[in-house]
Amino acid sequence: MTLLYYIQYFSLIFTLGILVLALRIKKIRWTLAIGLPFVCVAYLVAVDYIVNITTILVFSSTSQATIANPNIYYVVYILALLVAYLLYKLTARIIFNSKIKEISNTNKKCLIVVLILTMVMVYLFIYLFRV
């Protein structure tokens, strides 16, 4: 929280670095140690956007404005958990497909680079639109 207050969205870089180091300390391969934290951030961004769009459509206000109302906040929170679970189930089915596993095993470095570039672009767009 302190990093978020002082350096805002750049605190994510520090957090991702710590997660990568923690996974490497646990003797996890570099590709997984780099890929897993970035996939988690991609999930967080996707769920945040889905929940915000749904909140705007259903309640005609942003999710930040609905936090003041506890009943709506619980509905939005449960919606976020449900969306995260459904998104996980969908992507897990795709990721654990045998054809996808073969492709990912041959192109690990390319996939990691594309994943990192995607997350950098997403956060650059978020940062540029909030400024």
Protein backbone atom coordinates (compact mmCIF):
# COMPACT_ATOMS: atom_id res chain seq x y z
CA MET A 1 0.00 0.00 0.00
CA THR A 2 2.87 2.36 0.74
CA LEU A 3 4.37 1.79 -2.70
CA LEU A 4 0.97 2.30 -4.30
CA TYR A 5 0.62 5.64 -2.53
CA TYR A 6 4.05 6.93 -3.55
CA ILE A 7 4.68 5.46 -7.00
CA GLN A 8 1.13 4.47 -8.00
CA TYR A 9 0.93 1.91 -10.80
CA PHE A 10 4.69 1.40 -10.89
CA SER A 11 4.40 -0.52 -7.62
CA LEU A 12 3.21 -3.39 -9.76
CA ILE A 13 6.71 -3.73 -11.23
CA PHE A 14 8.15 -4.15 -7.73
CA THR A 15 5.46 -6.67 -6.78
CA LEU A 16 6.00 -8.71 -9.94
CA GLY A 17 9.75 -8.71 -9.33
CA ILE A 18 9.27 -10.02 -5.80
CA LEU A 19 6.93 -12.75 -7.04
CA VAL A 20 9.40 -13.81 -9.73
CA LEU A 21 12.23 -13.95 -7.16
CA ALA A 22 10.07 -15.91 -4.70
CA LEU A 23 9.22 -18.48 -7.35
CA ARG A 24 12.88 -18.76 -8.36
CA ILE A 25 13.86 -19.32 -4.72
CA LYS A 26 11.39 -22.21 -4.73
CA LYS A 27 13.38 -23.67 -7.67
CA ILE A 28 10.69 -23.06 -10.29
CA ARG A 29 11.93 -22.71 -13.86
CA TRP A 30 12.47 -19.17 -15.19
CA THR A 31 9.69 -19.42 -17.75
CA LEU A 32 7.12 -20.32 -15.11
CA ALA A 33 8.56 -17.92 -12.55
CA ILE A 34 8.15 -15.04 -15.00
CA GLY A 35 4.96 -16.22 -16.68
CA LEU A 36 2.77 -17.02 -13.67
CA PRO A 37 2.82 -13.56 -12.04
CA PHE A 38 2.09 -11.90 -15.37
CA VAL A 39 -0.81 -14.27 -16.05
CA CYS A 40 -2.22 -13.42 -12.61
CA VAL A 41 -2.01 -9.70 -13.39
CA ALA A 42 -3.73 -10.30 -16.73
CA TYR A 43 -6.55 -12.06 -14.85
CA LEU A 44 -6.83 -9.17 -12.41
CA VAL A 45 -7.04 -6.61 -15.19
CA ALA A 46 -9.61 -8.64 -17.15
CA VAL A 47 -11.81 -9.25 -14.10
CA ASP A 48 -11.57 -5.59 -13.09
CA TYR A 49 -12.73 -4.44 -16.51
CA ILE A 50 -15.57 -6.98 -16.66
CA VAL A 51 -16.80 -6.04 -13.18
CA ASN A 52 -16.55 -2.30 -13.88
CA ILE A 53 -18.48 -2.61 -17.15
CA THR A 54 -21.15 -4.75 -15.49
CA THR A 55 -21.43 -2.32 -12.58
CA ILE A 56 -21.87 0.58 -14.97
CA LEU A 57 -24.51 -1.27 -16.99
CA VAL A 58 -26.48 -2.71 -14.06
CA PHE A 59 -26.17 -0.02 -11.38
CA SER A 60 -25.54 2.99 -13.64
CA SER A 61 -22.48 3.98 -11.61
CA THR A 62 -18.85 3.04 -11.26
CA SER A 63 -17.74 0.36 -8.83
CA GLN A 64 -15.99 3.02 -6.73
CA ALA A 65 -19.33 4.82 -6.21
CA THR A 66 -21.11 1.60 -5.23
CA ILE A 67 -18.65 0.87 -2.41
CA ALA A 68 -20.56 3.36 -0.25
CA ASN A 69 -23.62 1.09 -0.42
CA PRO A 70 -22.79 -2.21 1.35
CA ASN A 71 -25.50 -4.26 -0.38
CA ILE A 72 -24.38 -3.28 -3.86
CA TYR A 73 -20.76 -3.71 -2.80
CA TYR A 74 -21.40 -7.34 -1.81
CA VAL A 75 -23.11 -8.02 -5.13
CA VAL A 76 -20.16 -6.50 -7.02
CA TYR A 77 -17.67 -8.45 -4.88
CA ILE A 78 -19.46 -11.75 -5.48
CA LEU A 79 -19.68 -10.89 -9.18
CA ALA A 80 -15.91 -10.33 -9.26
CA LEU A 81 -15.26 -13.69 -7.63
CA LEU A 82 -17.66 -15.43 -10.01
CA VAL A 83 -16.12 -13.80 -13.08
CA ALA A 84 -12.60 -14.69 -11.88
CA TYR A 85 -13.64 -18.32 -11.39
CA LEU A 86 -15.35 -18.58 -14.78
CA LEU A 87 -12.40 -16.92 -16.51
CA TYR A 88 -10.05 -19.37 -14.81
CA LYS A 89 -12.14 -22.37 -15.87
CA LEU A 90 -12.27 -21.15 -19.46
CA THR A 91 -8.56 -20.47 -19.75
CA ALA A 92 -7.56 -23.61 -17.85
CA ARG A 93 -9.45 -25.68 -20.38
CA ILE A 94 -7.57 -23.94 -23.18
CA ILE A 95 -4.14 -23.97 -21.49
CA PHE A 96 -4.23 -27.65 -20.54
CA ASN A 97 -5.18 -28.75 -24.05
CA SER A 98 -2.50 -31.12 -25.39
CA LYS A 99 -2.01 -29.16 -28.63
CA ILE A 100 -1.52 -25.91 -26.72
CA LYS A 101 0.99 -27.62 -24.42
CA GLU A 102 3.06 -28.74 -27.41
CA ILE A 103 3.06 -25.23 -28.89
CA SER A 104 3.96 -23.63 -25.55
CA ASN A 105 6.80 -26.07 -24.92
CA THR A 106 8.46 -25.20 -28.21
CA ASN A 107 7.94 -21.42 -27.94
CA LYS A 108 8.36 -20.67 -24.23
CA LYS A 109 10.60 -17.64 -24.60
CA CYS A 110 8.39 -16.12 -27.29
CA LEU A 111 5.30 -16.60 -25.14
CA ILE A 112 6.95 -14.95 -22.13
CA VAL A 113 8.05 -11.95 -24.23
CA VAL A 114 4.57 -11.56 -25.71
CA LEU A 115 3.00 -11.84 -22.26
CA ILE A 116 5.29 -9.21 -20.76
CA LEU A 117 4.82 -6.85 -23.71
CA THR A 118 1.05 -7.27 -23.47
CA MET A 119 1.03 -6.41 -19.77
CA VAL A 120 3.31 -3.42 -20.33
CA MET A 121 1.01 -2.12 -23.05
CA VAL A 122 -2.12 -2.66 -20.93
CA TYR A 123 -0.66 -0.78 -17.99
CA LEU A 124 0.69 1.98 -20.21
CA PHE A 125 -2.79 2.50 -21.61
CA ILE A 126 -4.27 2.50 -18.10
CA TYR A 127 -1.66 4.96 -16.88
CA LEU A 128 -1.97 7.26 -19.90
CA PHE A 129 -5.78 7.42 -19.69
CA ARG A 130 -5.80 8.15 -15.94
CA VAL A 131 -3.34 11.03 -16.18
